[in-house]
Amino acid sequence: MSLFKSQAERNRELINNLYTKIKRLEQDKNRMAGEVFAGGTTINEQLNERNQPLALVSPEASGTAVPVLPQLSGAGVLNTVGPEQTARVYNSQQYRDLLNSSRRFKEDDFLIGEKFRKNEMARQNEMLQRRQRVATQATLLQQGQLGAQSMAQQSMGNIGSVLASTPTYQ
C-alpha cells in the first residue's frame, strides 16, 4: 500500500486482499479431508472407481477404542475453518467414501456370486455327463450280455440240431 493513495483505493485494496484470503481458506478447507483419501482411489478393469484400503495407524482405529470427544465451543462451531468444521467436513467425506466402498463391495458380492453359480453349474453339468456316460456304458454292457446269451442259446440249439441230423456209423 502506498501512502499517496486515496482512502477509497486503500479500502478497495484491503477488501480485495481479504476476498482472496477468504477464497484461499475456503479452498484449503474443502481440500483438507480430500487429501487424506487422495491416492486411495483406483480404476479397476471394468473402469469402475475403487477405494484402496487405507492403513490406519491412529490408536482410535481399533474396534474397541473409544474415540476422544473434544469439548465444543460455540465460537469453534461457528468458525468456518475451526477444528469442529474441519472434522465435520472430514467425517462427511469419510462417510461418502465408505458408502462408495460398500456399494463397490456389493458389486463384488454379485461378481463373486456369479462366479460361484457359474462354477456350480459347470460342476453339475460335468456330473450329469458322467452319469450319462456310466448309464450308457451300463446299457451297452447289458445289451452285450443279452446278445451273448441269445447267441449262446442259438449255438446250443444249432449244436443239438447238428448232432441229431448227423448219421452215426456203427
C-alpha atoms as a PDB file:
ATOM      1  CA  MET A   1       0.000   0.000   0.000  1.00  0.00           C
ATOM      2  CA  SER A   2       1.180   3.401  -0.785  1.00  0.00           C
ATOM      3  CA  LEU A   3       0.851   6.473   1.412  1.00  0.00           C
ATOM      4  CA  PHE A   4      -0.192   8.559  -1.563  1.00  0.00           C
ATOM      5  CA  LYS A   5      -3.336   6.556  -2.406  1.00  0.00           C
ATOM      6  CA  SER A   6      -6.750   7.793  -1.543  1.00  0.00           C
ATOM      7  CA  GLN A   7      -8.702   6.229   1.305  1.00  0.00           C
ATOM      8  CA  ALA A   8     -11.137   4.591  -1.148  1.00  0.00           C
ATOM      9  CA  GLU A   9      -8.295   2.934  -3.074  1.00  0.00           C
ATOM     10  CA  ARG A  10      -6.744   1.644   0.143  1.00  0.00           C
ATOM     11  CA  ASN A  11     -10.107   0.286   1.274  1.00  0.00           C
ATOM     12  CA  ARG A  12     -10.621  -1.404  -2.102  1.00  0.00           C
ATOM     13  CA  GLU A  13      -7.175  -2.975  -1.915  1.00  0.00           C
ATOM     14  CA  LEU A  14      -7.830  -4.232   1.633  1.00  0.00           C
ATOM     15  CA  ILE A  15     -11.184  -5.693   0.582  1.00  0.00           C
ATOM     16  CA  ASN A  16      -9.582  -7.432  -2.424  1.00  0.00           C
ATOM     17  CA  ASN A  17      -6.835  -8.855  -0.208  1.00  0.00           C
ATOM     18  CA  LEU A  18      -9.428 -10.152   2.279  1.00  0.00           C
ATOM     19  CA  TYR A  19     -11.502 -11.606  -0.546  1.00  0.00           C
ATOM     20  CA  THR A  20      -8.524 -13.552  -1.967  1.00  0.00           C
ATOM     21  CA  LYS A  21      -7.568 -14.717   1.533  1.00  0.00           C
ATOM     22  CA  ILE A  22     -11.122 -15.994   2.166  1.00  0.00           C
ATOM     23  CA  LYS A  23     -11.124 -17.754  -1.207  1.00  0.00           C
ATOM     24  CA  ARG A  24      -7.812 -19.449  -0.414  1.00  0.00           C
ATOM     25  CA  LEU A  25      -9.053 -20.507   3.048  1.00  0.00           C
ATOM     26  CA  GLU A  26     -12.249 -21.976   1.558  1.00  0.00           C
ATOM     27  CA  GLN A  27     -10.219 -23.947  -0.998  1.00  0.00           C
ATOM     28  CA  ASP A  28      -7.957 -25.261   1.769  1.00  0.00           C
ATOM     29  CA  LYS A  29     -10.977 -26.186   3.889  1.00  0.00           C
ATOM     30  CA  ASN A  30     -12.648 -28.055   1.013  1.00  0.00           C
ATOM     31  CA  ARG A  31      -9.436 -29.857   0.138  1.00  0.00           C
ATOM     32  CA  MET A  32      -8.455 -30.699   3.733  1.00  0.00           C
ATOM     33  CA  ALA A  33     -10.288 -34.014   4.043  1.00  0.00           C
ATOM     34  CA  GLY A  34      -9.799 -34.869   0.379  1.00  0.00           C
ATOM     35  CA  GLU A  35      -6.031 -35.050   0.836  1.00  0.00           C
ATOM     36  CA  VAL A  36      -6.469 -37.846   3.366  1.00  0.00           C
ATOM     37  CA  PHE A  37      -8.047 -40.046   0.698  1.00  0.00           C
ATOM     38  CA  ALA A  38      -6.049 -38.764  -2.273  1.00  0.00           C
ATOM     39  CA  GLY A  39      -4.341 -41.701  -3.945  1.00  0.00           C
ATOM     40  CA  GLY A  40      -6.665 -44.173  -2.210  1.00  0.00           C
ATOM     41  CA  THR A  41      -8.819 -44.491  -5.322  1.00  0.00           C
ATOM     42  CA  THR A  42      -8.014 -46.548  -8.406  1.00  0.00           C
ATOM     43  CA  ILE A  43      -9.826 -47.740 -11.519  1.00  0.00           C
ATOM     44  CA  ASN A  44     -10.421 -51.465 -11.992  1.00  0.00           C
ATOM     45  CA  GLU A  45     -10.569 -53.398 -15.263  1.00  0.00           C
ATOM     46  CA  GLN A  46     -14.279 -52.568 -15.730  1.00  0.00           C
ATOM     47  CA  LEU A  47     -13.334 -48.862 -15.382  1.00  0.00           C
ATOM     48  CA  ASN A  48     -15.169 -48.557 -12.047  1.00  0.00           C
ATOM     49  CA  GLU A  49     -13.707 -46.292  -9.406  1.00  0.00           C
ATOM     50  CA  ARG A  50     -12.432 -48.336  -6.440  1.00  0.00           C
ATOM     51  CA  ASN A  51     -11.242 -47.290  -2.973  1.00  0.00           C
ATOM     52  CA  GLN A  52      -7.976 -48.782  -1.866  1.00  0.00           C
ATOM     53  CA  PRO A  53      -7.936 -49.915   1.763  1.00  0.00           C
ATOM     54  CA  LEU A  54      -6.002 -47.402   3.820  1.00  0.00           C
ATOM     55  CA  ALA A  55      -3.708 -48.434   6.659  1.00  0.00           C
ATOM     56  CA  LEU A  56      -4.987 -46.728   9.777  1.00  0.00           C
ATOM     57  CA  VAL A  57      -2.318 -46.004  12.354  1.00  0.00           C
ATOM     58  CA  SER A  58      -4.205 -43.986  14.942  1.00  0.00           C
ATOM     59  CA  PRO A  59      -4.980 -45.555  18.344  1.00  0.00           C
ATOM     60  CA  GLU A  60      -8.651 -44.932  17.601  1.00  0.00           C
ATOM     61  CA  ALA A  61      -8.525 -47.329  14.649  1.00  0.00           C
ATOM     62  CA  SER A  62      -9.136 -50.467  16.719  1.00  0.00           C
ATOM     63  CA  GLY A  63     -12.673 -51.778  17.088  1.00  0.00           C
ATOM     64  CA  THR A  64     -12.733 -51.430  20.881  1.00  0.00           C
ATOM     65  CA  ALA A  65     -11.238 -47.940  21.092  1.00  0.00           C
ATOM     66  CA  VAL A  66     -13.433 -45.171  22.429  1.00  0.00           C
ATOM     67  CA  PRO A  67     -12.960 -42.005  20.377  1.00  0.00           C
ATOM     68  CA  VAL A  68     -11.923 -38.903  22.255  1.00  0.00           C
ATOM     69  CA  LEU A  69     -14.709 -36.322  22.228  1.00  0.00           C
ATOM     70  CA  PRO A  70     -13.307 -32.794  22.233  1.00  0.00           C
ATOM     71  CA  GLN A  71     -15.066 -30.038  24.135  1.00  0.00           C
ATOM     72  CA  LEU A  72     -17.090 -27.947  21.713  1.00  0.00           C
ATOM     73  CA  SER A  73     -17.078 -24.208  21.986  1.00  0.00           C
ATOM     74  CA  GLY A  74     -19.723 -22.024  20.439  1.00  0.00           C
ATOM     75  CA  ALA A  75     -17.133 -19.921  18.673  1.00  0.00           C
ATOM     76  CA  GLY A  76     -15.418 -23.029  17.331  1.00  0.00           C
ATOM     77  CA  VAL A  77     -18.651 -24.322  15.803  1.00  0.00           C
ATOM     78  CA  LEU A  78     -19.288 -21.003  14.089  1.00  0.00           C
ATOM     79  CA  ASN A  79     -15.695 -20.680  12.849  1.00  0.00           C
ATOM     80  CA  THR A  80     -15.617 -21.886   9.245  1.00  0.00           C
ATOM     81  CA  VAL A  81     -12.019 -23.154   9.491  1.00  0.00           C
ATOM     82  CA  GLY A  82     -12.172 -24.361  13.102  1.00  0.00           C
ATOM     83  CA  PRO A  83     -11.488 -27.939  14.184  1.00  0.00           C
ATOM     84  CA  GLU A  84     -15.207 -28.751  14.516  1.00  0.00           C
ATOM     85  CA  GLN A  85     -15.992 -27.694  10.967  1.00  0.00           C
ATOM     86  CA  THR A  86     -12.879 -29.438   9.680  1.00  0.00           C
ATOM     87  CA  ALA A  87     -13.928 -32.614  11.481  1.00  0.00           C
ATOM     88  CA  ARG A  88     -17.437 -32.272  10.037  1.00  0.00           C
ATOM     89  CA  VAL A  89     -16.061 -31.963   6.501  1.00  0.00           C
ATOM     90  CA  TYR A  90     -13.646 -34.836   7.104  1.00  0.00           C
ATOM     91  CA  ASN A  91     -16.402 -37.057   8.532  1.00  0.00           C
ATOM     92  CA  SER A  92     -18.810 -36.273   5.704  1.00  0.00           C
ATOM     93  CA  GLN A  93     -16.160 -37.130   3.111  1.00  0.00           C
ATOM     94  CA  GLN A  94     -15.216 -40.273   5.005  1.00  0.00           C
ATOM     95  CA  TYR A  95     -18.912 -41.247   5.157  1.00  0.00           C
ATOM     96  CA  ARG A  96     -19.213 -40.678   1.395  1.00  0.00           C
ATOM     97  CA  ASP A  97     -16.118 -42.804   0.757  1.00  0.00           C
ATOM     98  CA  LEU A  98     -17.433 -45.579   2.998  1.00  0.00           C
ATOM     99  CA  LEU A  99     -20.773 -45.537   1.182  1.00  0.00           C
ATOM    100  CA  ASN A 100     -18.982 -45.748  -2.173  1.00  0.00           C
ATOM    101  CA  SER A 101     -16.788 -48.610  -0.986  1.00  0.00           C
ATOM    102  CA  SER A 102     -19.788 -50.509   0.408  1.00  0.00           C
ATOM    103  CA  ARG A 103     -21.533 -50.119  -2.958  1.00  0.00           C
ATOM    104  CA  ARG A 104     -18.419 -51.467  -4.659  1.00  0.00           C
ATOM    105  CA  PHE A 105     -18.283 -54.401  -2.249  1.00  0.00           C
ATOM    106  CA  LYS A 106     -21.891 -55.165  -3.192  1.00  0.00           C
ATOM    107  CA  GLU A 107     -20.785 -55.240  -6.834  1.00  0.00           C
ATOM    108  CA  ASP A 108     -18.001 -57.618  -5.801  1.00  0.00           C
ATOM    109  CA  ASP A 109     -20.535 -59.792  -3.970  1.00  0.00           C
ATOM    110  CA  PHE A 110     -22.524 -60.030  -7.178  1.00  0.00           C
ATOM    111  CA  LEU A 111     -19.420 -60.898  -9.244  1.00  0.00           C
ATOM    112  CA  ILE A 112     -18.297 -63.496  -6.700  1.00  0.00           C
ATOM    113  CA  GLY A 113     -21.796 -64.970  -6.594  1.00  0.00           C
ATOM    114  CA  GLU A 114     -21.912 -65.109 -10.375  1.00  0.00           C
ATOM    115  CA  LYS A 115     -18.572 -66.937 -10.477  1.00  0.00           C
ATOM    116  CA  PHE A 116     -19.759 -69.360  -7.809  1.00  0.00           C
ATOM    117  CA  ARG A 117     -23.033 -70.046  -9.656  1.00  0.00           C
ATOM    118  CA  LYS A 118     -21.146 -70.481 -12.935  1.00  0.00           C
ATOM    119  CA  ASN A 119     -18.701 -72.943 -11.334  1.00  0.00           C
ATOM    120  CA  GLU A 120     -21.573 -74.801  -9.661  1.00  0.00           C
ATOM    121  CA  MET A 121     -23.425 -75.077 -12.982  1.00  0.00           C
ATOM    122  CA  ALA A 122     -20.269 -76.361 -14.714  1.00  0.00           C
ATOM    123  CA  ARG A 123     -19.796 -78.931 -11.913  1.00  0.00           C
ATOM    124  CA  GLN A 124     -23.428 -80.059 -12.179  1.00  0.00           C
ATOM    125  CA  ASN A 125     -23.124 -80.375 -15.981  1.00  0.00           C
ATOM    126  CA  GLU A 126     -19.937 -82.419 -15.624  1.00  0.00           C
ATOM    127  CA  MET A 127     -21.616 -84.753 -13.132  1.00  0.00           C
ATOM    128  CA  LEU A 128     -24.621 -85.085 -15.454  1.00  0.00           C
ATOM    129  CA  GLN A 129     -22.339 -86.029 -18.345  1.00  0.00           C
ATOM    130  CA  ARG A 130     -20.525 -88.584 -16.169  1.00  0.00           C
ATOM    131  CA  ARG A 131     -23.807 -90.135 -15.047  1.00  0.00           C
ATOM    132  CA  GLN A 132     -24.994 -90.310 -18.652  1.00  0.00           C
ATOM    133  CA  ARG A 133     -21.705 -91.921 -19.721  1.00  0.00           C
ATOM    134  CA  VAL A 134     -21.945 -94.503 -16.950  1.00  0.00           C
ATOM    135  CA  ALA A 135     -25.599 -95.201 -17.772  1.00  0.00           C
ATOM    136  CA  THR A 136     -24.775 -95.560 -21.484  1.00  0.00           C
ATOM    137  CA  GLN A 137     -21.884 -97.903 -20.744  1.00  0.00           C
ATOM    138  CA  ALA A 138     -24.064 -99.950 -18.397  1.00  0.00           C
ATOM    139  CA  THR A 139     -26.793-100.179 -21.044  1.00  0.00           C
ATOM    140  CA  LEU A 140     -24.300-101.258 -23.704  1.00  0.00           C
ATOM    141  CA  LEU A 141     -22.789-103.809 -21.339  1.00  0.00           C
ATOM    142  CA  GLN A 142     -26.211-105.182 -20.524  1.00  0.00           C
ATOM    143  CA  GLN A 143     -27.133-105.353 -24.214  1.00  0.00           C
ATOM    144  CA  GLY A 144     -23.843-107.123 -24.921  1.00  0.00           C
ATOM    145  CA  GLN A 145     -24.579-109.682 -22.183  1.00  0.00           C
ATOM    146  CA  LEU A 146     -28.092-110.249 -23.527  1.00  0.00           C
ATOM    147  CA  GLY A 147     -26.688-110.633 -27.048  1.00  0.00           C
ATOM    148  CA  ALA A 148     -24.085-113.107 -25.823  1.00  0.00           C
ATOM    149  CA  GLN A 149     -26.780-115.110 -24.002  1.00  0.00           C
ATOM    150  CA  SER A 150     -29.002-115.259 -27.089  1.00  0.00           C
ATOM    151  CA  MET A 151     -26.021-116.283 -29.268  1.00  0.00           C
ATOM    152  CA  ALA A 152     -25.130-118.991 -26.737  1.00  0.00           C
ATOM    153  CA  GLN A 153     -28.714-120.282 -26.825  1.00  0.00           C
ATOM    154  CA  GLN A 154     -28.690-120.267 -30.613  1.00  0.00           C
ATOM    155  CA  SER A 155     -25.369-122.084 -30.775  1.00  0.00           C
ATOM    156  CA  MET A 156     -26.572-124.721 -28.275  1.00  0.00           C
ATOM    157  CA  GLY A 157     -29.692-125.195 -30.363  1.00  0.00           C
ATOM    158  CA  ASN A 158     -27.594-125.441 -33.509  1.00  0.00           C
ATOM    159  CA  ILE A 159     -25.269-127.970 -31.868  1.00  0.00           C
ATOM    160  CA  GLY A 160     -28.296-130.045 -30.859  1.00  0.00           C
ATOM    161  CA  SER A 161     -29.775-129.995 -34.373  1.00  0.00           C
ATOM    162  CA  VAL A 162     -26.433-130.817 -35.954  1.00  0.00           C
ATOM    163  CA  LEU A 163     -25.926-133.756 -33.609  1.00  0.00           C
ATOM    164  CA  ALA A 164     -29.422-135.001 -34.246  1.00  0.00           C
ATOM    165  CA  SER A 165     -29.127-134.824 -38.001  1.00  0.00           C
ATOM    166  CA  THR A 166     -25.668-136.329 -38.285  1.00  0.00           C
ATOM    167  CA  PRO A 167     -25.721-140.027 -39.163  1.00  0.00           C
ATOM    168  CA  THR A 168     -23.742-142.248 -36.951  1.00  0.00           C
ATOM    169  CA  TYR A 169     -21.793-145.160 -38.320  1.00  0.00           C
ATOM    170  CA  GLN A 170     -21.567-148.332 -36.408  1.00  0.00           C
END
